[in-house]
Amino acid sequence: MAQAAQKLGFEFSGVDIPENDQTPYALRYSQFVVPLVKAVQQQDKEIQMLKEEIRQLRDLLSQ
């Protein structure tokens, strides 16, 4: 998870890295909310733009 975020250049504090071999990795699920909401907002914006483009293309075809 942390490596994927780093590859994307994204600062993500939702992963607790173990301090030693006896401690497991942990995820802080509350840290996932903001990035997920932002992703949904971006997808919604893109969907609206694509719907408008489809509408315009249909208008052109019907002329």
N, C-alpha and C. Protein backbone atom coordinates (compact mmCIF):
# COMPACT_ATOMS: atom_id res chain seq x y z
N MET A 1 0.82 -1.19 0.00
CA MET A 1 0.00 0.00 0.00
C MET A 1 0.87 1.26 0.00
N ALA A 2 1.82 1.29 0.91
CA ALA A 2 2.70 2.46 1.00
C ALA A 2 3.52 2.62 -0.28
N GLN A 3 3.99 1.51 -0.85
CA GLN A 3 4.78 1.57 -2.08
C GLN A 3 3.95 2.08 -3.25
N ALA A 4 2.71 1.65 -3.32
CA ALA A 4 1.82 2.11 -4.40
C ALA A 4 1.60 3.61 -4.29
N ALA A 5 1.38 4.10 -3.10
CA ALA A 5 1.18 5.54 -2.89
C ALA A 5 2.44 6.31 -3.26
N GLN A 6 3.60 5.80 -2.90
CA GLN A 6 4.85 6.47 -3.22
C GLN A 6 5.08 6.52 -4.73
N LYS A 7 4.76 5.44 -5.43
CA LYS A 7 4.93 5.41 -6.89
C LYS A 7 4.10 6.49 -7.57
N LEU A 8 2.94 6.78 -6.98
CA LEU A 8 2.05 7.79 -7.54
C LEU A 8 2.41 9.19 -7.05
N GLY A 9 3.40 9.28 -6.17
CA GLY A 9 3.78 10.58 -5.63
C GLY A 9 2.78 11.11 -4.62
N PHE A 10 2.10 10.21 -3.96
CA PHE A 10 1.02 10.58 -3.04
C PHE A 10 1.48 10.36 -1.61
N GLU A 11 1.37 11.40 -0.79
CA GLU A 11 1.68 11.27 0.63
C GLU A 11 0.50 10.58 1.30
N PHE A 12 0.76 9.43 1.88
CA PHE A 12 -0.33 8.67 2.51
C PHE A 12 0.12 8.19 3.87
N SER A 13 -0.59 8.61 4.90
CA SER A 13 -0.21 8.26 6.27
C SER A 13 -1.10 7.15 6.83
N GLY A 14 -1.75 6.41 5.99
CA GLY A 14 -2.67 5.38 6.45
C GLY A 14 -2.02 4.03 6.72
N VAL A 15 -0.69 3.96 6.55
CA VAL A 15 0.01 2.70 6.80
C VAL A 15 0.97 2.90 7.96
N ASP A 16 0.84 2.08 8.97
CA ASP A 16 1.78 2.09 10.09
C ASP A 16 2.82 1.02 9.84
N ILE A 17 4.05 1.45 9.62
CA ILE A 17 5.14 0.51 9.35
C ILE A 17 5.64 -0.05 10.69
N PRO A 18 5.86 -1.34 10.75
CA PRO A 18 6.29 -1.95 12.02
C PRO A 18 7.67 -1.45 12.46
N GLU A 19 7.82 -1.32 13.77
CA GLU A 19 9.10 -0.87 14.31
C GLU A 19 10.10 -2.01 14.44
N ASN A 20 9.60 -3.26 14.45
CA ASN A 20 10.49 -4.41 14.55
C ASN A 20 9.83 -5.61 13.89
N ASP A 21 10.50 -6.74 13.92
CA ASP A 21 9.98 -7.95 13.27
C ASP A 21 8.77 -8.55 13.99
N GLN A 22 8.54 -8.16 15.20
CA GLN A 22 7.44 -8.72 15.99
C GLN A 22 6.14 -7.93 15.85
N THR A 23 6.23 -6.75 15.28
CA THR A 23 5.07 -5.87 15.14
C THR A 23 4.54 -5.96 13.70
N PRO A 24 3.24 -6.16 13.52
CA PRO A 24 2.69 -6.25 12.15
C PRO A 24 2.46 -4.87 11.54
N TYR A 25 2.35 -4.86 10.23
CA TYR A 25 1.89 -3.65 9.55
C TYR A 25 0.45 -3.39 9.97
N ALA A 26 0.04 -2.14 9.94
CA ALA A 26 -1.33 -1.81 10.30
C ALA A 26 -1.84 -0.73 9.34
N LEU A 27 -3.14 -0.74 9.11
CA LEU A 27 -3.78 0.26 8.27
C LEU A 27 -4.70 1.11 9.12
N ARG A 28 -4.65 2.42 8.89
CA ARG A 28 -5.58 3.33 9.55
C ARG A 28 -6.66 3.67 8.52
N TYR A 29 -7.76 2.95 8.62
CA TYR A 29 -8.81 3.06 7.60
C TYR A 29 -9.41 4.45 7.51
N SER A 30 -9.40 5.21 8.59
CA SER A 30 -9.95 6.56 8.54
C SER A 30 -9.16 7.44 7.57
N GLN A 31 -7.90 7.10 7.32
CA GLN A 31 -7.06 7.87 6.40
C GLN A 31 -7.43 7.61 4.94
N PHE A 32 -8.24 6.59 4.69
CA PHE A 32 -8.64 6.26 3.33
C PHE A 32 -9.80 7.14 2.84
N VAL A 33 -10.55 7.73 3.74
CA VAL A 33 -11.79 8.42 3.38
C VAL A 33 -11.55 9.59 2.44
N VAL A 34 -10.66 10.49 2.79
CA VAL A 34 -10.46 11.69 1.97
C VAL A 34 -9.98 11.35 0.56
N PRO A 35 -8.97 10.48 0.40
CA PRO A 35 -8.57 10.14 -0.98
C PRO A 35 -9.68 9.46 -1.78
N LEU A 36 -10.48 8.64 -1.12
CA LEU A 36 -11.58 7.96 -1.83
C LEU A 36 -12.65 8.96 -2.26
N VAL A 37 -12.99 9.90 -1.40
CA VAL A 37 -13.99 10.92 -1.75
C VAL A 37 -13.48 11.75 -2.92
N LYS A 38 -12.21 12.13 -2.87
CA LYS A 38 -11.65 12.92 -3.97
C LYS A 38 -11.67 12.14 -5.28
N ALA A 39 -11.36 10.87 -5.22
CA ALA A 39 -11.38 10.04 -6.43
C ALA A 39 -12.79 9.95 -7.01
N VAL A 40 -13.78 9.79 -6.16
CA VAL A 40 -15.17 9.72 -6.62
C VAL A 40 -15.58 11.05 -7.24
N GLN A 41 -15.17 12.16 -6.64
CA GLN A 41 -15.49 13.47 -7.19
C GLN A 41 -14.86 13.65 -8.57
N GLN A 42 -13.62 13.23 -8.72
CA GLN A 42 -12.95 13.34 -10.02
C GLN A 42 -13.63 12.47 -11.06
N GLN A 43 -14.03 11.28 -10.68
CA GLN A 43 -14.71 10.38 -11.61
C GLN A 43 -16.06 10.96 -12.01
N ASP A 44 -16.77 11.54 -11.06
CA ASP A 44 -18.07 12.14 -11.36
C ASP A 44 -17.92 13.28 -12.35
N LYS A 45 -16.88 14.10 -12.16
CA LYS A 45 -16.63 15.21 -13.08
C LYS A 45 -16.36 14.68 -14.49
N GLU A 46 -15.56 13.63 -14.58
CA GLU A 46 -15.25 13.05 -15.89
C GLU A 46 -16.49 12.44 -16.52
N ILE A 47 -17.32 11.78 -15.74
CA ILE A 47 -18.56 11.20 -16.25
C ILE A 47 -19.46 12.29 -16.82
N GLN A 48 -19.58 13.40 -16.11
CA GLN A 48 -20.42 14.49 -16.59
C GLN A 48 -19.89 15.06 -17.91
N MET A 49 -18.56 15.19 -18.01
CA MET A 49 -17.97 15.69 -19.26
C MET A 49 -18.22 14.72 -20.40
N LEU A 50 -18.10 13.43 -20.14
CA LEU A 50 -18.33 12.43 -21.18
C LEU A 50 -19.79 12.40 -21.61
N LYS A 51 -20.70 12.55 -20.65
CA LYS A 51 -22.12 12.60 -21.00
C LYS A 51 -22.42 13.79 -21.90
N GLU A 52 -21.80 14.93 -21.60
CA GLU A 52 -22.01 16.11 -22.43
C GLU A 52 -21.44 15.89 -23.82
N GLU A 53 -20.28 15.26 -23.91
CA GLU A 53 -19.69 14.97 -25.22
C GLU A 53 -20.58 14.02 -26.01
N ILE A 54 -21.13 13.02 -25.38
CA ILE A 54 -22.05 12.09 -26.05
C ILE A 54 -23.28 12.83 -26.55
N ARG A 55 -23.82 13.71 -25.71
CA ARG A 55 -24.99 14.48 -26.11
C ARG A 55 -24.69 15.31 -27.36
N GLN A 56 -23.52 15.97 -27.37
CA GLN A 56 -23.14 16.79 -28.52
C GLN A 56 -22.95 15.94 -29.78
N LEU A 57 -22.36 14.79 -29.64
CA LEU A 57 -22.16 13.90 -30.79
C LEU A 57 -23.50 13.39 -31.33
N ARG A 58 -24.41 13.08 -30.43
CA ARG A 58 -25.73 12.63 -30.86
C ARG A 58 -26.46 13.75 -31.60
N ASP A 59 -26.30 14.97 -31.11
CA ASP A 59 -26.92 16.11 -31.79
C ASP A 59 -26.36 16.26 -33.20
N LEU A 60 -25.05 16.08 -33.35
CA LEU A 60 -24.44 16.17 -34.68
C LEU A 60 -24.96 15.09 -35.61
N LEU A 61 -25.10 13.89 -35.09
CA LEU A 61 -25.58 12.78 -35.91
C LEU A 61 -27.04 12.94 -36.32
N SER A 62 -27.81 13.59 -35.52
CA SER A 62 -29.24 13.72 -35.81
C SER A 62 -29.54 14.88 -36.76
N GLN A 63 -28.55 15.65 -37.12
CA GLN A 63 -28.77 16.79 -38.03
C GLN A 63 -28.83 16.35 -39.47
